[in-house]
Amino acid sequence: QVQLVESGGGLVQAGDSLRLSCSASGRSLSDYLMAWYRQAPGKGREFVAAITATSDGTRYADSVRGRFAISRDNGKNTVYLQMSRLRPEDTAVYYCAADSRGWLLALAASRTDPQVWGQGTPVTVSS
């Protein structure tokens, strides 16, 4: 089973950029579709972005499309979430997730949950 550890969260101002990283251990990330989710205070967890194992497909939530970019470096066993033009409503705990089934569309539509989760990294965007 792969283990995931997120990093890069913090406190930023509206309009700033931030890059989150998700490092994996235990297994190669090349076996997994990877995704980012977030949970804002008092709200449920929501899908943010996902990328296939070979980087040939991505999906984004409407709320972040055009501002966030997901990428991966399988050689470094790491997935990234580049966040730009951050807004106060982006404030949340961001979670990295892995799934070996490759169900990109199902994950993006929240019809299924990923198999493996990280512990999360908090992002706070001040206005």
Foldseek 3Di string as FASTA:
>chain_A
DKAKAKDWADEEAAQAKTKMKIAIDDDQLLLWKKFKWWDAPPGDIGGAKIAFSVRPDMDGDPVQPPFWDWDDDRVRRMIMIIGGRDDQVVWTWMKMAIANPRPRVCVNVVVDDGDHIYPTDTHGYHD
